[in-house]
């Protein structure tokens, strides 16, 4: 559509820009994943076990805890100044 209205040199410039920016995004994504991996690897065995247990609890009880939070919010009588 719009791309078709561009001349060959303009099309090349647009593609080059998209490829360059896409590559930057990918490098940033990979760097953030690597940082998370380093953080996890730096945890002690006890911390890793606690994280795994917490993850399992969250998976099992997410719908139950959401319902509990909703009930708590509805029954709470404290008012906040706004």
PDB file of N, CA and C in Angstrom:
ATOM      1  N   UNK A   1       0.823  -1.166   0.000  1.00  0.00           N
ATOM      2  CA  UNK A   1       0.000   0.000   0.000  1.00  0.00           C
ATOM      3  C   UNK A   1       0.879   1.246   0.000  1.00  0.00           C
ATOM      4  N   UNK A   2       1.170   1.778   1.195  1.00  0.00           N
ATOM      5  CA  UNK A   2       2.028   2.962   1.262  1.00  0.00           C
ATOM      6  C   UNK A   2       3.418   2.605   0.770  1.00  0.00           C
ATOM      7  N   UNK A   3       3.870   1.417   1.146  1.00  0.00           N
ATOM      8  CA  UNK A   3       5.197   0.966   0.742  1.00  0.00           C
ATOM      9  C   UNK A   3       5.318   0.940  -0.779  1.00  0.00           C
ATOM     10  N   UNK A   4       4.244   0.560  -1.460  1.00  0.00           N
ATOM     11  CA  UNK A   4       4.261   0.482  -2.923  1.00  0.00           C
ATOM     12  C   UNK A   4       4.395   1.849  -3.572  1.00  0.00           C
ATOM     13  N   UNK A   5       4.010   2.904  -2.871  1.00  0.00           N
ATOM     14  CA  UNK A   5       4.104   4.246  -3.448  1.00  0.00           C
ATOM     15  C   UNK A   5       5.509   4.813  -3.345  1.00  0.00           C
ATOM     16  N   UNK A   6       6.362   4.181  -2.566  1.00  0.00           N
ATOM     17  CA  UNK A   6       7.738   4.644  -2.411  1.00  0.00           C
ATOM     18  C   UNK A   6       8.593   4.182  -3.574  1.00  0.00           C
ATOM     19  N   UNK A   7       9.614   4.963  -3.843  1.00  0.00           N
ATOM     20  CA  UNK A   7      10.575   4.562  -4.861  1.00  0.00           C
ATOM     21  C   UNK A   7      11.489   3.479  -4.318  1.00  0.00           C
ATOM     22  N   UNK A   8      12.265   2.839  -5.185  1.00  0.00           N
ATOM     23  CA  UNK A   8      13.144   1.741  -4.746  1.00  0.00           C
ATOM     24  C   UNK A   8      14.125   2.153  -3.644  1.00  0.00           C
ATOM     25  N   UNK A   9      14.704   3.348  -3.747  1.00  0.00           N
ATOM     26  CA  UNK A   9      15.665   3.788  -2.738  1.00  0.00           C
ATOM     27  C   UNK A   9      14.959   4.046  -1.400  1.00  0.00           C
ATOM     28  N   UNK A  10      13.775   4.626  -1.449  1.00  0.00           N
ATOM     29  CA  UNK A  10      13.006   4.870  -0.228  1.00  0.00           C
ATOM     30  C   UNK A  10      12.576   3.551   0.421  1.00  0.00           C
ATOM     31  N   UNK A  11      12.191   2.582  -0.395  1.00  0.00           N
ATOM     32  CA  UNK A  11      11.824   1.268   0.126  1.00  0.00           C
ATOM     33  C   UNK A  11      13.006   0.634   0.845  1.00  0.00           C
ATOM     34  N   UNK A  12      14.192   0.760   0.239  1.00  0.00           N
ATOM     35  CA  UNK A  12      15.404   0.205   0.847  1.00  0.00           C
ATOM     36  C   UNK A  12      15.688   0.884   2.183  1.00  0.00           C
ATOM     37  N   UNK A  13      15.535   2.206   2.247  1.00  0.00           N
ATOM     38  CA  UNK A  13      15.776   2.936   3.491  1.00  0.00           C
ATOM     39  C   UNK A  13      14.807   2.492   4.591  1.00  0.00           C
ATOM     40  N   UNK A  14      13.543   2.317   4.230  1.00  0.00           N
ATOM     41  CA  UNK A  14      12.545   1.873   5.205  1.00  0.00           C
ATOM     42  C   UNK A  14      12.887   0.478   5.714  1.00  0.00           C
ATOM     43  N   UNK A  15      13.239  -0.425   4.812  1.00  0.00           N
ATOM     44  CA  UNK A  15      13.599  -1.792   5.212  1.00  0.00           C
ATOM     45  C   UNK A  15      14.848  -1.808   6.082  1.00  0.00           C
ATOM     46  N   UNK A  16      15.862  -1.010   5.698  1.00  0.00           N
ATOM     47  CA  UNK A  16      17.090  -0.941   6.496  1.00  0.00           C
ATOM     48  C   UNK A  16      16.794  -0.451   7.910  1.00  0.00           C
ATOM     49  N   UNK A  17      15.951   0.566   8.009  1.00  0.00           N
ATOM     50  CA  UNK A  17      15.587   1.107   9.321  1.00  0.00           C
ATOM     51  C   UNK A  17      14.876   0.045  10.165  1.00  0.00           C
ATOM     52  N   UNK A  18      13.918  -0.645   9.556  1.00  0.00           N
ATOM     53  CA  UNK A  18      13.164  -1.679  10.283  1.00  0.00           C
ATOM     54  C   UNK A  18      14.083  -2.800  10.754  1.00  0.00           C
ATOM     55  N   UNK A  19      15.000  -3.212   9.906  1.00  0.00           N
ATOM     56  CA  UNK A  19      15.932  -4.280  10.284  1.00  0.00           C
ATOM     57  C   UNK A  19      16.851  -3.831  11.411  1.00  0.00           C
ATOM     58  N   UNK A  20      17.353  -2.592  11.320  1.00  0.00           N
ATOM     59  CA  UNK A  20      18.257  -2.076  12.352  1.00  0.00           C
ATOM     60  C   UNK A  20      17.533  -1.964  13.692  1.00  0.00           C
ATOM     61  N   UNK A  21      16.345  -1.392  13.701  1.00  0.00           N
ATOM     62  CA  UNK A  21      15.595  -1.234  14.945  1.00  0.00           C
ATOM     63  C   UNK A  21      15.146  -2.588  15.498  1.00  0.00           C
ATOM     64  N   UNK A  22      14.780  -3.499  14.611  1.00  0.00           N
ATOM     65  CA  UNK A  22      14.405  -4.843  15.047  1.00  0.00           C
ATOM     66  C   UNK A  22      15.565  -5.553  15.712  1.00  0.00           C
ATOM     67  N   UNK A  23      16.760  -5.379  15.152  1.00  0.00           N
ATOM     68  CA  UNK A  23      17.952  -5.998  15.728  1.00  0.00           C
ATOM     69  C   UNK A  23      18.234  -5.422  17.111  1.00  0.00           C
ATOM     70  N   UNK A  24      18.059  -4.107  17.268  1.00  0.00           N
ATOM     71  CA  UNK A  24      18.276  -3.490  18.584  1.00  0.00           C
ATOM     72  C   UNK A  24      17.288  -4.042  19.605  1.00  0.00           C
ATOM     73  N   UNK A  25      16.059  -4.205  19.187  1.00  0.00           N
ATOM     74  CA  UNK A  25      15.042  -4.747  20.094  1.00  0.00           C
ATOM     75  C   UNK A  25      15.395  -6.163  20.514  1.00  0.00           C
ATOM     76  N   UNK A  26      15.851  -6.965  19.571  1.00  0.00           N
ATOM     77  CA  UNK A  26      16.214  -8.348  19.877  1.00  0.00           C
ATOM     78  C   UNK A  26      17.399  -8.401  20.831  1.00  0.00           C
ATOM     79  N   UNK A  27      18.387  -7.541  20.613  1.00  0.00           N
ATOM     80  CA  UNK A  27      19.554  -7.515  21.499  1.00  0.00           C
ATOM     81  C   UNK A  27      19.124  -7.125  22.908  1.00  0.00           C
ATOM     82  N   UNK A  28      18.246  -6.139  23.022  1.00  0.00           N
ATOM     83  CA  UNK A  28      17.743  -5.731  24.336  1.00  0.00           C
ATOM     84  C   UNK A  28      16.982  -6.844  25.024  1.00  0.00           C
ATOM     85  N   UNK A  29      16.158  -7.555  24.264  1.00  0.00           N
ATOM     86  CA  UNK A  29      15.387  -8.665  24.822  1.00  0.00           C
ATOM     87  C   UNK A  29      16.312  -9.773  25.316  1.00  0.00           C
ATOM     88  N   UNK A  30      17.302 -10.114  24.524  1.00  0.00           N
ATOM     89  CA  UNK A  30      18.258 -11.155  24.908  1.00  0.00           C
ATOM     90  C   UNK A  30      19.034 -10.736  26.152  1.00  0.00           C
ATOM     91  N   UNK A  31      19.419  -9.465  26.221  1.00  0.00           N
ATOM     92  CA  UNK A  31      20.157  -8.975  27.387  1.00  0.00           C
ATOM     93  C   UNK A  31      19.306  -9.061  28.648  1.00  0.00           C
ATOM     94  N   UNK A  32      18.021  -8.743  28.548  1.00  0.00           N
ATOM     95  CA  UNK A  32      17.169  -8.809  29.743  1.00  0.00           C
ATOM     96  C   UNK A  32      16.945 -10.252  30.180  1.00  0.00           C
ATOM     97  N   UNK A  33      16.837 -11.160  29.237  1.00  0.00           N
ATOM     98  CA  UNK A  33      16.699 -12.580  29.575  1.00  0.00           C
ATOM     99  C   UNK A  33      17.973 -13.086  30.243  1.00  0.00           C
ATOM    100  N   UNK A  34      19.122 -12.679  29.705  1.00  0.00           N
ATOM    101  CA  UNK A  34      20.397 -13.104  30.280  1.00  0.00           C
ATOM    102  C   UNK A  34      20.542 -12.585  31.707  1.00  0.00           C
ATOM    103  N   UNK A  35      20.098 -11.351  31.955  1.00  0.00           N
ATOM    104  CA  UNK A  35      20.173 -10.788  33.305  1.00  0.00           C
ATOM    105  C   UNK A  35      19.294 -11.579  34.270  1.00  0.00           C
ATOM    106  N   UNK A  36      18.106 -11.944  33.831  1.00  0.00           N
ATOM    107  CA  UNK A  36      17.212 -12.748  34.674  1.00  0.00           C
ATOM    108  C   UNK A  36      17.841 -14.109  34.966  1.00  0.00           C
ATOM    109  N   UNK A  37      18.467 -14.711  33.955  1.00  0.00           N
ATOM    110  CA  UNK A  37      19.144 -15.994  34.158  1.00  0.00           C
ATOM    111  C   UNK A  37      20.269 -15.862  35.182  1.00  0.00           C
ATOM    112  N   UNK A  38      21.064 -14.792  35.067  1.00  0.00           N
ATOM    113  CA  UNK A  38      22.168 -14.591  36.014  1.00  0.00           C
ATOM    114  C   UNK A  38      21.631 -14.408  37.436  1.00  0.00           C
ATOM    115  N   UNK A  39      20.540 -13.670  37.559  1.00  0.00           N
ATOM    116  CA  UNK A  39      19.945 -13.449  38.879  1.00  0.00           C
ATOM    117  C   UNK A  39      19.474 -14.764  39.477  1.00  0.00           C
ATOM    118  N   UNK A  40      18.778 -15.564  38.685  1.00  0.00           N
ATOM    119  CA  UNK A  40      18.298 -16.859  39.182  1.00  0.00           C
ATOM    120  C   UNK A  40      19.452 -17.782  39.541  1.00  0.00           C
ATOM    121  N   UNK A  41      20.491 -17.779  38.734  1.00  0.00           N
ATOM    122  CA  UNK A  41      21.631 -18.653  39.007  1.00  0.00           C
ATOM    123  C   UNK A  41      22.363 -18.231  40.274  1.00  0.00           C
ATOM    124  N   UNK A  42      22.265 -16.957  40.637  1.00  0.00           N
ATOM    125  CA  UNK A  42      22.938 -16.461  41.829  1.00  0.00           C
ATOM    126  C   UNK A  42      22.202 -16.764  43.127  1.00  0.00           C
ATOM    127  N   UNK A  43      20.985 -17.273  43.028  1.00  0.00           N
ATOM    128  CA  UNK A  43      20.213 -17.586  44.234  1.00  0.00           C
ATOM    129  C   UNK A  43      20.735 -18.854  44.895  1.00  0.00           C
ATOM    130  N   UNK A  44      20.574 -18.899  46.199  1.00  0.00           N
ATOM    131  CA  UNK A  44      20.955 -20.116  46.926  1.00  0.00           C
ATOM    132  C   UNK A  44      19.942 -21.215  46.619  1.00  0.00           C
ATOM    133  N   UNK A  45      20.279 -22.436  46.970  1.00  0.00           N
ATOM    134  CA  UNK A  45      19.379 -23.568  46.753  1.00  0.00           C
ATOM    135  C   UNK A  45      18.068 -23.364  47.510  1.00  0.00           C
ATOM    136  N   UNK A  46      18.156 -22.864  48.739  1.00  0.00           N
ATOM    137  CA  UNK A  46      16.938 -22.604  49.524  1.00  0.00           C
ATOM    138  C   UNK A  46      16.042 -21.578  48.836  1.00  0.00           C
ATOM    139  N   UNK A  47      16.649 -20.523  48.311  1.00  0.00           N
ATOM    140  CA  UNK A  47      15.863 -19.488  47.634  1.00  0.00           C
ATOM    141  C   UNK A  47      15.200 -20.032  46.369  1.00  0.00           C
ATOM    142  N   UNK A  48      15.927 -20.866  45.645  1.00  0.00           N
ATOM    143  CA  UNK A  48      15.352 -21.476  44.435  1.00  0.00           C
ATOM    144  C   UNK A  48      14.176 -22.381  44.788  1.00  0.00           C
ATOM    145  N   UNK A  49      14.328 -23.160  45.856  1.00  0.00           N
ATOM    146  CA  UNK A  49      13.240 -24.045  46.288  1.00  0.00           C
ATOM    147  C   UNK A  49      12.019 -23.238  46.713  1.00  0.00           C
ATOM    148  N   UNK A  50      12.237 -22.131  47.430  1.00  0.00           N
ATOM    149  CA  UNK A  50      11.118 -21.273  47.838  1.00  0.00           C
ATOM    150  C   UNK A  50      10.417 -20.673  46.631  1.00  0.00           C
ATOM    151  N   UNK A  51      11.192 -20.260  45.637  1.00  0.00           N
ATOM    152  CA  UNK A  51      10.588 -19.714  44.417  1.00  0.00           C
ATOM    153  C   UNK A  51       9.744 -20.751  43.694  1.00  0.00           C
ATOM    154  N   UNK A  52      10.241 -21.978  43.633  1.00  0.00           N
ATOM    155  CA  UNK A  52       9.471 -23.041  42.980  1.00  0.00           C
ATOM    156  C   UNK A  52       8.179 -23.332  43.735  1.00  0.00           C
ATOM    157  N   UNK A  53       8.258 -23.372  45.081  1.00  0.00           N
ATOM    158  CA  UNK A  53       7.040 -23.593  45.877  1.00  0.00           C
ATOM    159  C   UNK A  53       6.053 -22.446  45.693  1.00  0.00           C
ATOM    160  N   UNK A  54       6.552 -21.235  45.696  1.00  0.00           N
ATOM    161  CA  UNK A  54       5.694 -20.070  45.500  1.00  0.00           C
ATOM    162  C   UNK A  54       5.032 -20.105  44.131  1.00  0.00           C
ATOM    163  N   UNK A  55       5.793 -20.480  43.125  1.00  0.00           N
ATOM    164  CA  UNK A  55       5.240 -20.589  41.772  1.00  0.00           C
ATOM    165  C   UNK A  55       4.113 -21.618  41.730  1.00  0.00           C
ATOM    166  N   UNK A  56       4.319 -22.762  42.368  1.00  0.00           N
ATOM    167  CA  UNK A  56       3.275 -23.794  42.407  1.00  0.00           C
ATOM    168  C   UNK A  56       2.037 -23.293  43.148  1.00  0.00           C
ATOM    169  N   UNK A  57       2.247 -22.606  44.260  1.00  0.00           N
ATOM    170  CA  UNK A  57       1.117 -22.061  45.017  1.00  0.00           C
ATOM    171  C   UNK A  57       0.348 -21.044  44.182  1.00  0.00           C
ATOM    172  N   UNK A  58       1.070 -20.221  43.462  1.00  0.00           N
ATOM    173  CA  UNK A  58       0.410 -19.219  42.620  1.00  0.00           C
ATOM    174  C   UNK A  58      -0.391 -19.869  41.507  1.00  0.00           C
ATOM    175  N   UNK A  59       0.163 -20.923  40.922  1.00  0.00           N
ATOM    176  CA  UNK A  59      -0.563 -21.608  39.849  1.00  0.00           C
ATOM    177  C   UNK A  59      -1.824 -22.276  40.379  1.00  0.00           C
ATOM    178  N   UNK A  60      -1.721 -22.898  41.552  1.00  0.00           N
ATOM    179  CA  UNK A  60      -2.866 -23.621  42.115  1.00  0.00           C
ATOM    180  C   UNK A  60      -3.909 -22.684  42.690  1.00  0.00           C
ATOM    181  N   UNK A  61      -3.473 -21.626  43.331  1.00  0.00           N
ATOM    182  CA  UNK A  61      -4.417 -20.811  44.071  1.00  0.00           C
ATOM    183  C   UNK A  61      -4.719 -19.456  43.473  1.00  0.00           C
ATOM    184  N   UNK A  62      -4.361 -19.230  42.223  1.00  0.00           N
ATOM    185  CA  UNK A  62      -4.562 -17.894  41.678  1.00  0.00           C
ATOM    186  C   UNK A  62      -6.030 -17.510  41.623  1.00  0.00           C
ATOM    187  N   UNK A  63      -6.890 -18.426  41.223  1.00  0.00           N
ATOM    188  CA  UNK A  63      -8.312 -18.083  41.157  1.00  0.00           C
ATOM    189  C   UNK A  63      -8.895 -17.947  42.555  1.00  0.00           C
ATOM    190  N   UNK A  64      -8.454 -18.784  43.487  1.00  0.00           N
ATOM    191  CA  UNK A  64      -8.948 -18.694  44.863  1.00  0.00           C
ATOM    192  C   UNK A  64      -8.506 -17.394  45.517  1.00  0.00           C
ATOM    193  N   UNK A  65      -7.247 -17.019  45.323  1.00  0.00           N
ATOM    194  CA  UNK A  65      -6.755 -15.795  45.952  1.00  0.00           C
ATOM    195  C   UNK A  65      -7.391 -14.567  45.326  1.00  0.00           C
ATOM    196  N   UNK A  66      -7.674 -14.605  44.032  1.00  0.00           N
ATOM    197  CA  UNK A  66      -8.358 -13.486  43.389  1.00  0.00           C
ATOM    198  C   UNK A  66      -9.732 -13.282  44.005  1.00  0.00           C
ATOM    199  N   UNK A  67     -10.435 -14.372  44.272  1.00  0.00           N
ATOM    200  CA  UNK A  67     -11.757 -14.271  44.885  1.00  0.00           C
ATOM    201  C   UNK A  67     -11.644 -13.732  46.303  1.00  0.00           C
ATOM    202  N   UNK A  68     -10.644 -14.175  47.026  1.00  0.00           N
ATOM    203  CA  UNK A  68     -10.440 -13.696  48.388  1.00  0.00           C
ATOM    204  C   UNK A  68     -10.111 -12.216  48.427  1.00  0.00           C
ATOM    205  N   UNK A  69      -9.301 -11.761  47.505  1.00  0.00           N
ATOM    206  CA  UNK A  69      -8.950 -10.345  47.435  1.00  0.00           C
ATOM    207  C   UNK A  69     -10.183  -9.519  47.114  1.00  0.00           C
ATOM    208  N   UNK A  70     -10.979  -9.989  46.178  1.00  0.00           N
ATOM    209  CA  UNK A  70     -12.193  -9.263  45.811  1.00  0.00           C
ATOM    210  C   UNK A  70     -13.129  -9.147  47.003  1.00  0.00           C
ATOM    211  N   UNK A  71     -13.289 -10.222  47.768  1.00  0.00           N
ATOM    212  CA  UNK A  71     -14.164 -10.186  48.945  1.00  0.00           C
ATOM    213  C   UNK A  71     -13.618  -9.220  49.987  1.00  0.00           C
ATOM    214  N   UNK A  72     -12.310  -9.237  50.202  1.00  0.00           N
ATOM    215  CA  UNK A  72     -11.695  -8.344  51.173  1.00  0.00           C
ATOM    216  C   UNK A  72     -11.914  -6.895  50.770  1.00  0.00           C
ATOM    217  N   UNK A  73     -11.704  -6.577  49.500  1.00  0.00           N
ATOM    218  CA  UNK A  73     -11.890  -5.212  49.025  1.00  0.00           C
ATOM    219  C   UNK A  73     -13.329  -4.752  49.210  1.00  0.00           C
ATOM    220  N   UNK A  74     -14.281  -5.627  48.982  1.00  0.00           N
ATOM    221  CA  UNK A  74     -15.685  -5.252  49.092  1.00  0.00           C
ATOM    222  C   UNK A  74     -16.124  -5.063  50.537  1.00  0.00           C
ATOM    223  N   UNK A  75     -15.497  -5.786  51.459  1.00  0.00           N
ATOM    224  CA  UNK A  75     -15.918  -5.708  52.857  1.00  0.00           C
ATOM    225  C   UNK A  75     -15.095  -4.715  53.661  1.00  0.00           C
ATOM    226  N   UNK A  76     -14.050  -4.178  53.089  1.00  0.00           N
ATOM    227  CA  UNK A  76     -13.185  -3.248  53.802  1.00  0.00           C
ATOM    228  C   UNK A  76     -13.926  -1.935  54.035  1.00  0.00           C
ATOM    229  N   UNK A  77     -13.859  -1.421  55.279  1.00  0.00           N
ATOM    230  CA  UNK A  77     -14.612  -0.214  55.617  1.00  0.00           C
ATOM    231  C   UNK A  77     -13.741   1.025  55.720  1.00  0.00           C
ATOM    232  N   UNK A  78     -12.431   0.882  55.661  1.00  0.00           N
ATOM    233  CA  UNK A  78     -11.571   2.057  55.759  1.00  0.00           C
ATOM    234  C   UNK A  78     -11.683   2.876  54.493  1.00  0.00           C
ATOM    235  N   UNK A  79     -11.649   4.186  54.681  1.00  0.00           N
ATOM    236  CA  UNK A  79     -11.744   5.087  53.535  1.00  0.00           C
ATOM    237  C   UNK A  79     -10.435   5.844  53.425  1.00  0.00           C
ATOM    238  N   UNK A  80     -10.018   6.064  52.206  1.00  0.00           N
ATOM    239  CA  UNK A  80      -8.781   6.787  51.963  1.00  0.00           C
ATOM    240  C   UNK A  80      -9.113   8.186  51.467  1.00  0.00           C
ATOM    241  N   UNK A  81      -8.343   9.153  51.942  1.00  0.00           N
ATOM    242  CA  UNK A  81      -8.543  10.523  51.464  1.00  0.00           C
ATOM    243  C   UNK A  81      -8.040  10.612  50.038  1.00  0.00           C
ATOM    244  N   UNK A  82      -8.745  11.295  49.190  1.00  0.00           N
ATOM    245  CA  UNK A  82      -8.337  11.328  47.796  1.00  0.00           C
ATOM    246  C   UNK A  82      -8.365  12.625  47.233  1.00  0.00           C
TER     247      UNK A  82
END
